[in-house]
Amino acid sequence: MQIPDINLRVRQIIDLKTNGNVKKFAESINIKQQSINRLFNIDTRTGKYPIVTTEILVAITEMYVDVDSKWLLIGKGEPYKNEKSVLKVADPGIEYSKSDKNDNLIIEELRKQNDQQRKDIEWFKKEFDKKQEMIDVLLSGNVCVKK
């Protein structure tokens, strides 16, 4: 059995963000290390790799706002957003200094992006669940074909 692509993408983020240190990564996203470790081992009860939970995906995108949620969920694009999309603000002429005004603009923009990422994750989760249901039905052999 091959490890799911999404699990491999989580592994890639662990490697990029914490040099492969699962404990440090789990702490950084406030998820139990055991939950992360499980993603990379076949569950002896089911004989399958566990699927990455929505909780883990949301935690990753909240902590690491530079990670592209579309890439994380479906593998399209690059692991990192480009710098402009992470720090995109309404006025491109703003200079990024340590002023509170600029910090607040950046924080507000990141919050908006975070909210959009949450919506994207929820949509992808629903789509994933639908596809998983279809796969489970097909694998169960309880498929009724109309002629």
N, C-alpha and C. Protein backbone atom coordinates (compact mmCIF):
# COMPACT_ATOMS: atom_id res chain seq x y z
N MET A 1 0.85 -1.18 0.00
CA MET A 1 0.00 0.00 0.00
C MET A 1 0.89 1.24 0.00
N GLN A 2 0.54 2.17 -0.85
CA GLN A 2 1.32 3.40 -1.00
C GLN A 2 0.76 4.49 -0.09
N ILE A 3 1.66 5.27 0.51
CA ILE A 3 1.25 6.36 1.39
C ILE A 3 0.51 7.42 0.56
N PRO A 4 -0.61 7.93 1.06
CA PRO A 4 -1.37 8.94 0.30
C PRO A 4 -0.54 10.19 0.02
N ASP A 5 -0.79 10.80 -1.13
CA ASP A 5 -0.04 11.99 -1.53
C ASP A 5 -0.16 13.11 -0.51
N ILE A 6 -1.34 13.29 0.06
CA ILE A 6 -1.51 14.38 1.02
C ILE A 6 -0.63 14.15 2.25
N ASN A 7 -0.48 12.91 2.65
CA ASN A 7 0.40 12.59 3.78
C ASN A 7 1.84 12.93 3.42
N LEU A 8 2.22 12.65 2.17
CA LEU A 8 3.57 12.99 1.73
C LEU A 8 3.79 14.50 1.72
N ARG A 9 2.75 15.25 1.37
CA ARG A 9 2.88 16.70 1.38
C ARG A 9 3.04 17.22 2.81
N VAL A 10 2.33 16.61 3.76
CA VAL A 10 2.53 16.98 5.16
C VAL A 10 3.96 16.68 5.58
N ARG A 11 4.47 15.54 5.16
CA ARG A 11 5.86 15.17 5.46
C ARG A 11 6.82 16.21 4.87
N GLN A 12 6.52 16.66 3.67
CA GLN A 12 7.38 17.66 3.03
C GLN A 12 7.38 18.96 3.83
N ILE A 13 6.23 19.37 4.33
CA ILE A 13 6.15 20.58 5.15
C ILE A 13 6.94 20.39 6.44
N ILE A 14 6.85 19.22 7.03
CA ILE A 14 7.63 18.94 8.24
C ILE A 14 9.12 19.08 7.95
N ASP A 15 9.54 18.52 6.81
CA ASP A 15 10.95 18.62 6.42
C ASP A 15 11.37 20.06 6.18
N LEU A 16 10.52 20.83 5.50
CA LEU A 16 10.85 22.22 5.18
C LEU A 16 10.83 23.13 6.40
N LYS A 17 9.87 22.93 7.28
CA LYS A 17 9.67 23.86 8.39
C LYS A 17 10.50 23.51 9.63
N THR A 18 10.71 22.22 9.87
CA THR A 18 11.40 21.83 11.11
C THR A 18 12.52 20.81 10.85
N ASN A 19 13.04 20.81 9.63
CA ASN A 19 14.12 19.89 9.26
C ASN A 19 13.79 18.44 9.61
N GLY A 20 12.54 18.06 9.41
CA GLY A 20 12.12 16.67 9.64
C GLY A 20 11.82 16.32 11.08
N ASN A 21 11.88 17.28 11.98
CA ASN A 21 11.63 17.04 13.40
C ASN A 21 10.12 17.03 13.67
N VAL A 22 9.54 15.84 13.75
CA VAL A 22 8.09 15.70 13.91
C VAL A 22 7.63 16.28 15.25
N LYS A 23 8.41 16.07 16.30
CA LYS A 23 8.03 16.59 17.62
C LYS A 23 7.94 18.11 17.58
N LYS A 24 8.95 18.74 17.03
CA LYS A 24 8.97 20.21 16.94
C LYS A 24 7.81 20.71 16.08
N PHE A 25 7.56 20.02 14.96
CA PHE A 25 6.46 20.40 14.07
C PHE A 25 5.12 20.27 14.79
N ALA A 26 4.90 19.14 15.45
CA ALA A 26 3.64 18.91 16.16
C ALA A 26 3.42 20.00 17.22
N GLU A 27 4.46 20.34 17.93
CA GLU A 27 4.35 21.40 18.94
C GLU A 27 4.02 22.74 18.28
N SER A 28 4.63 23.00 17.12
CA SER A 28 4.41 24.28 16.46
C SER A 28 2.97 24.47 16.00
N ILE A 29 2.29 23.37 15.67
CA ILE A 29 0.90 23.49 15.22
C ILE A 29 -0.10 23.07 16.31
N ASN A 30 0.45 22.77 17.49
CA ASN A 30 -0.38 22.41 18.65
C ASN A 30 -1.24 21.16 18.41
N ILE A 31 -0.62 20.16 17.82
CA ILE A 31 -1.25 18.86 17.58
C ILE A 31 -0.35 17.81 18.24
N LYS A 32 -0.95 16.77 18.79
CA LYS A 32 -0.15 15.72 19.44
C LYS A 32 0.79 15.07 18.42
N GLN A 33 2.00 14.83 18.85
CA GLN A 33 3.00 14.20 17.99
C GLN A 33 2.51 12.86 17.47
N GLN A 34 1.83 12.12 18.31
CA GLN A 34 1.31 10.81 17.91
C GLN A 34 0.38 10.92 16.70
N SER A 35 -0.44 11.98 16.68
CA SER A 35 -1.36 12.18 15.56
C SER A 35 -0.62 12.41 14.26
N ILE A 36 0.51 13.11 14.34
CA ILE A 36 1.32 13.34 13.15
C ILE A 36 2.06 12.06 12.75
N ASN A 37 2.66 11.39 13.70
CA ASN A 37 3.40 10.15 13.41
C ASN A 37 2.52 9.10 12.74
N ARG A 38 1.25 9.02 13.14
CA ARG A 38 0.33 8.03 12.59
C ARG A 38 0.17 8.16 11.07
N LEU A 39 0.32 9.38 10.57
CA LEU A 39 0.10 9.62 9.14
C LEU A 39 1.08 8.86 8.26
N PHE A 40 2.20 8.46 8.83
CA PHE A 40 3.28 7.87 8.03
C PHE A 40 3.46 6.37 8.28
N ASN A 41 2.49 5.78 8.98
CA ASN A 41 2.55 4.35 9.27
C ASN A 41 1.20 3.70 8.98
N ILE A 42 1.24 2.51 8.44
CA ILE A 42 0.00 1.77 8.16
C ILE A 42 -0.66 1.40 9.48
N ASP A 43 -1.95 1.66 9.59
CA ASP A 43 -2.73 1.29 10.76
C ASP A 43 -2.94 -0.23 10.72
N THR A 44 -2.48 -0.91 11.75
CA THR A 44 -2.56 -2.37 11.76
C THR A 44 -4.00 -2.88 11.80
N ARG A 45 -4.92 -2.05 12.30
CA ARG A 45 -6.33 -2.47 12.37
C ARG A 45 -7.00 -2.45 11.00
N THR A 46 -6.64 -1.45 10.19
CA THR A 46 -7.31 -1.30 8.90
C THR A 46 -6.43 -1.72 7.71
N GLY A 47 -5.12 -1.77 7.94
CA GLY A 47 -4.19 -2.09 6.86
C GLY A 47 -4.00 -0.92 5.90
N LYS A 48 -4.40 0.28 6.33
CA LYS A 48 -4.29 1.47 5.49
C LYS A 48 -3.58 2.59 6.25
N TYR A 49 -3.09 3.56 5.49
CA TYR A 49 -2.56 4.76 6.11
C TYR A 49 -3.73 5.62 6.57
N PRO A 50 -3.62 6.23 7.75
CA PRO A 50 -4.68 7.16 8.17
C PRO A 50 -4.71 8.38 7.24
N ILE A 51 -5.87 8.96 7.12
CA ILE A 51 -6.04 10.15 6.30
C ILE A 51 -5.78 11.38 7.17
N VAL A 52 -5.14 12.37 6.61
CA VAL A 52 -4.88 13.62 7.32
C VAL A 52 -6.21 14.24 7.71
N THR A 53 -6.32 14.61 8.98
CA THR A 53 -7.58 15.19 9.46
C THR A 53 -7.67 16.67 9.10
N THR A 54 -8.90 17.16 9.08
CA THR A 54 -9.14 18.58 8.86
C THR A 54 -8.45 19.40 9.94
N GLU A 55 -8.47 18.90 11.16
CA GLU A 55 -7.82 19.60 12.28
C GLU A 55 -6.33 19.83 12.00
N ILE A 56 -5.66 18.83 11.47
CA ILE A 56 -4.24 18.96 11.16
C ILE A 56 -4.04 19.95 10.02
N LEU A 57 -4.86 19.84 8.97
CA LEU A 57 -4.73 20.75 7.83
C LEU A 57 -4.95 22.21 8.23
N VAL A 58 -5.96 22.45 9.03
CA VAL A 58 -6.24 23.81 9.49
C VAL A 58 -5.08 24.31 10.35
N ALA A 59 -4.59 23.46 11.25
CA ALA A 59 -3.48 23.86 12.12
C ALA A 59 -2.24 24.24 11.30
N ILE A 60 -1.96 23.48 10.26
CA ILE A 60 -0.80 23.77 9.40
C ILE A 60 -0.98 25.13 8.72
N THR A 61 -2.15 25.34 8.12
CA THR A 61 -2.35 26.58 7.37
C THR A 61 -2.47 27.80 8.28
N GLU A 62 -2.89 27.59 9.52
CA GLU A 62 -2.93 28.71 10.46
C GLU A 62 -1.53 29.08 10.94
N MET A 63 -0.72 28.09 11.22
CA MET A 63 0.63 28.35 11.73
C MET A 63 1.57 28.80 10.62
N TYR A 64 1.46 28.16 9.48
CA TYR A 64 2.38 28.43 8.37
C TYR A 64 1.61 29.08 7.23
N VAL A 65 1.37 30.38 7.35
CA VAL A 65 0.54 31.09 6.38
C VAL A 65 1.19 31.17 5.01
N ASP A 66 2.49 30.88 4.93
CA ASP A 66 3.16 30.91 3.63
C ASP A 66 2.98 29.62 2.85
N VAL A 67 2.42 28.59 3.50
CA VAL A 67 2.14 27.33 2.81
C VAL A 67 0.87 27.49 1.99
N ASP A 68 0.94 27.13 0.74
CA ASP A 68 -0.21 27.25 -0.16
C ASP A 68 -1.21 26.13 0.16
N SER A 69 -2.40 26.51 0.61
CA SER A 69 -3.40 25.51 1.02
C SER A 69 -3.85 24.64 -0.15
N LYS A 70 -3.91 25.21 -1.35
CA LYS A 70 -4.30 24.42 -2.52
C LYS A 70 -3.26 23.33 -2.78
N TRP A 71 -2.00 23.68 -2.67
CA TRP A 71 -0.94 22.68 -2.83
C TRP A 71 -1.05 21.62 -1.74
N LEU A 72 -1.24 22.05 -0.51
CA LEU A 72 -1.31 21.11 0.61
C LEU A 72 -2.46 20.12 0.42
N LEU A 73 -3.60 20.61 -0.02
CA LEU A 73 -4.78 19.75 -0.13
C LEU A 73 -4.80 18.88 -1.37
N ILE A 74 -4.46 19.45 -2.52
CA ILE A 74 -4.61 18.67 -3.76
C ILE A 74 -3.33 18.54 -4.57
N GLY A 75 -2.25 19.17 -4.12
CA GLY A 75 -0.97 19.02 -4.81
C GLY A 75 -0.78 19.91 -6.02
N LYS A 76 -1.67 20.86 -6.24
CA LYS A 76 -1.53 21.78 -7.38
C LYS A 76 -0.71 22.98 -6.97
N GLY A 77 0.22 23.39 -7.83
CA GLY A 77 1.03 24.56 -7.54
C GLY A 77 2.30 24.22 -6.78
N GLU A 78 2.75 25.17 -6.01
CA GLU A 78 4.00 25.05 -5.25
C GLU A 78 3.70 25.03 -3.75
N PRO A 79 4.61 24.45 -2.95
CA PRO A 79 4.38 24.40 -1.50
C PRO A 79 4.22 25.77 -0.85
N TYR A 80 4.97 26.74 -1.35
CA TYR A 80 4.92 28.07 -0.75
C TYR A 80 4.22 29.05 -1.68
N LYS A 81 3.44 29.93 -1.05
CA LYS A 81 2.88 31.05 -1.79
C LYS A 81 4.04 31.98 -2.12
N ASN A 82 3.87 32.77 -3.15
CA ASN A 82 4.92 33.74 -3.38
C ASN A 82 4.79 34.86 -2.35
N GLU A 83 5.87 35.59 -2.15
CA GLU A 83 5.91 36.61 -1.11
C GLU A 83 4.82 37.65 -1.28
N LYS A 84 4.51 38.00 -2.50
CA LYS A 84 3.50 39.03 -2.74
C LYS A 84 2.14 38.59 -2.25
N SER A 85 1.81 37.30 -2.40
CA SER A 85 0.49 36.87 -1.97
C SER A 85 0.40 36.77 -0.45
N VAL A 86 1.50 36.52 0.22
CA VAL A 86 1.48 36.44 1.68
C VAL A 86 1.33 37.82 2.30
N LEU A 87 2.01 38.80 1.73
CA LEU A 87 1.99 40.15 2.30
C LEU A 87 1.24 41.13 1.42
N LYS A 88 0.29 40.64 0.65
CA LYS A 88 -0.48 41.48 -0.25
C LYS A 88 -1.39 42.40 0.59
N VAL A 89 -1.33 43.67 0.31
CA VAL A 89 -2.21 44.63 0.98
C VAL A 89 -2.86 45.51 -0.08
N ALA A 90 -3.85 46.30 0.34
CA ALA A 90 -4.61 47.10 -0.61
C ALA A 90 -3.74 48.12 -1.34
N ASP A 91 -2.77 48.72 -0.68
CA ASP A 91 -1.94 49.75 -1.28
C ASP A 91 -0.54 49.21 -1.54
N PRO A 92 -0.20 48.89 -2.79
CA PRO A 92 1.12 48.32 -3.06
C PRO A 92 2.26 49.29 -2.81
N GLY A 93 1.96 50.59 -2.61
CA GLY A 93 3.00 51.57 -2.36
C GLY A 93 3.44 51.63 -0.91
N ILE A 94 2.82 50.83 -0.04
CA ILE A 94 3.17 50.85 1.38
C ILE A 94 4.56 50.27 1.57
N GLU A 95 5.37 50.95 2.35
CA GLU A 95 6.69 50.42 2.71
C GLU A 95 6.51 49.61 3.99
N TYR A 96 7.12 48.44 4.04
CA TYR A 96 6.99 47.58 5.20
C TYR A 96 8.05 47.92 6.23
N SER A 97 7.64 48.75 7.18
CA SER A 97 8.53 49.09 8.28
C SER A 97 7.94 48.49 9.54
N LYS A 98 8.50 48.83 10.67
CA LYS A 98 8.01 48.26 11.92
C LYS A 98 6.90 49.10 12.55
N SER A 99 6.25 49.94 11.77
CA SER A 99 5.18 50.76 12.33
C SER A 99 3.96 49.92 12.62
N ASP A 100 3.23 50.32 13.65
CA ASP A 100 2.02 49.59 14.03
C ASP A 100 0.98 49.59 12.92
N LYS A 101 0.88 50.69 12.19
CA LYS A 101 -0.11 50.79 11.11
C LYS A 101 0.14 49.71 10.06
N ASN A 102 1.38 49.58 9.62
CA ASN A 102 1.70 48.57 8.62
C ASN A 102 1.53 47.17 9.17
N ASP A 103 1.93 46.97 10.42
CA ASP A 103 1.75 45.65 11.05
C ASP A 103 0.27 45.29 11.08
N ASN A 104 -0.58 46.25 11.42
CA ASN A 104 -2.01 45.98 11.47
C ASN A 104 -2.58 45.66 10.09
N LEU A 105 -2.10 46.35 9.06
CA LEU A 105 -2.55 46.05 7.70
C LEU A 105 -2.16 44.63 7.30
N ILE A 106 -0.94 44.27 7.61
CA ILE A 106 -0.46 42.93 7.27
C ILE A 106 -1.25 41.88 8.04
N ILE A 107 -1.44 42.12 9.31
CA ILE A 107 -2.20 41.16 10.14
C ILE A 107 -3.61 41.00 9.60
N GLU A 108 -4.25 42.10 9.26
CA GLU A 108 -5.62 42.03 8.73
C GLU A 108 -5.67 41.25 7.41
N GLU A 109 -4.70 41.50 6.54
CA GLU A 109 -4.66 40.78 5.27
C GLU A 109 -4.42 39.29 5.50
N LEU A 110 -3.55 38.95 6.43
CA LEU A 110 -3.29 37.54 6.74
C LEU A 110 -4.53 36.88 7.34
N ARG A 111 -5.27 37.61 8.13
CA ARG A 111 -6.52 37.06 8.68
C ARG A 111 -7.51 36.75 7.55
N LYS A 112 -7.62 37.67 6.60
CA LYS A 112 -8.51 37.44 5.46
C LYS A 112 -8.07 36.20 4.68
N GLN A 113 -6.77 36.10 4.43
CA GLN A 113 -6.26 34.94 3.70
C GLN A 113 -6.51 33.66 4.50
N ASN A 114 -6.34 33.73 5.81
CA ASN A 114 -6.56 32.58 6.67
C ASN A 114 -8.02 32.14 6.60
N ASP A 115 -8.94 33.11 6.65
CA ASP A 115 -10.36 32.79 6.54
C ASP A 115 -10.67 32.10 5.21
N GLN A 116 -10.08 32.60 4.13
CA GLN A 116 -10.29 31.99 2.82
C GLN A 116 -9.72 30.57 2.79
N GLN A 117 -8.55 30.39 3.40
CA GLN A 117 -7.96 29.06 3.45
C GLN A 117 -8.84 28.09 4.21
N ARG A 118 -9.44 28.56 5.30
CA ARG A 118 -10.35 27.69 6.06
C ARG A 118 -11.53 27.25 5.19
N LYS A 119 -12.09 28.21 4.44
CA LYS A 119 -13.20 27.88 3.55
C LYS A 119 -12.75 26.88 2.48
N ASP A 120 -11.56 27.11 1.94
CA ASP A 120 -11.03 26.19 0.93
C ASP A 120 -10.85 24.78 1.51
N ILE A 121 -10.32 24.70 2.70
CA ILE A 121 -10.10 23.40 3.35
C ILE A 121 -11.42 22.68 3.57
N GLU A 122 -12.42 23.40 4.05
CA GLU A 122 -13.72 22.79 4.27
C GLU A 122 -14.31 22.26 2.96
N TRP A 123 -14.18 23.02 1.88
CA TRP A 123 -14.69 22.59 0.59
C TRP A 123 -13.95 21.34 0.12
N PHE A 124 -12.60 21.38 0.22
CA PHE A 124 -11.82 20.22 -0.21
C PHE A 124 -12.12 19.01 0.67
N LYS A 125 -12.35 19.22 1.95
CA LYS A 125 -12.69 18.12 2.85
C LYS A 125 -14.00 17.47 2.42
N LYS A 126 -15.00 18.28 2.10
CA LYS A 126 -16.28 17.73 1.65
C LYS A 126 -16.10 16.94 0.36
N GLU A 127 -15.34 17.49 -0.57
CA GLU A 127 -15.08 16.80 -1.84
C GLU A 127 -14.33 15.50 -1.59
N PHE A 128 -13.34 15.56 -0.71
CA PHE A 128 -12.56 14.38 -0.37
C PHE A 128 -13.46 13.30 0.24
N ASP A 129 -14.33 13.70 1.18
CA ASP A 129 -15.24 12.75 1.82
C ASP A 129 -16.16 12.09 0.81
N LYS A 130 -16.66 12.86 -0.17
CA LYS A 130 -17.51 12.29 -1.21
C LYS A 130 -16.76 11.22 -2.00
N LYS A 131 -15.52 11.56 -2.38
CA LYS A 131 -14.72 10.62 -3.15
C LYS A 131 -14.35 9.39 -2.33
N GLN A 132 -14.08 9.60 -1.05
CA GLN A 132 -13.77 8.47 -0.17
C GLN A 132 -14.96 7.55 -0.04
N GLU A 133 -16.16 8.12 0.04
CA GLU A 133 -17.39 7.32 0.10
C GLU A 133 -17.53 6.46 -1.15
N MET A 134 -17.28 7.07 -2.32
CA MET A 134 -17.37 6.32 -3.58
C MET A 134 -16.35 5.20 -3.60
N ILE A 135 -15.15 5.48 -3.17
CA ILE A 135 -14.09 4.45 -3.13
C ILE A 135 -14.49 3.32 -2.20
N ASP A 136 -15.00 3.67 -1.01
CA ASP A 136 -15.41 2.65 -0.05
C ASP A 136 -16.51 1.75 -0.62
N VAL A 137 -17.47 2.36 -1.32
CA VAL A 137 -18.56 1.58 -1.94
C VAL A 137 -17.99 0.65 -3.00
N LEU A 138 -17.11 1.17 -3.83
CA LEU A 138 -16.52 0.35 -4.89
C LEU A 138 -15.70 -0.81 -4.30
N LEU A 139 -14.94 -0.53 -3.26
CA LEU A 139 -14.11 -1.57 -2.65
C LEU A 139 -14.93 -2.61 -1.88
N SER A 140 -16.11 -2.21 -1.40
CA SER A 140 -16.94 -3.14 -0.63
C SER A 140 -17.58 -4.20 -1.51
N GLY A 141 -17.68 -3.91 -2.82
CA GLY A 141 -18.29 -4.88 -3.72
C GLY A 141 -19.80 -4.78 -3.75
N ASN A 142 -20.39 -3.87 -3.00
CA ASN A 142 -21.84 -3.69 -2.94
C ASN A 142 -22.30 -2.68 -3.97
N VAL A 143 -21.83 -2.83 -5.17
CA VAL A 143 -22.19 -1.89 -6.23
C VAL A 143 -23.28 -2.52 -7.07
N CYS A 144 -24.36 -1.78 -7.27
CA CYS A 144 -25.46 -2.25 -8.09
C CYS A 144 -25.41 -1.48 -9.41
N VAL A 145 -25.26 -2.20 -10.49
CA VAL A 145 -25.17 -1.57 -11.79
C VAL A 145 -26.51 -1.76 -12.52
N LYS A 146 -27.12 -0.64 -12.95
CA LYS A 146 -28.38 -0.72 -13.69
C LYS A 146 -28.10 -0.99 -15.14
N LYS A 147 -28.93 -1.83 -15.75
CA LYS A 147 -28.77 -2.13 -17.17
C LYS A 147 -29.89 -1.53 -17.95
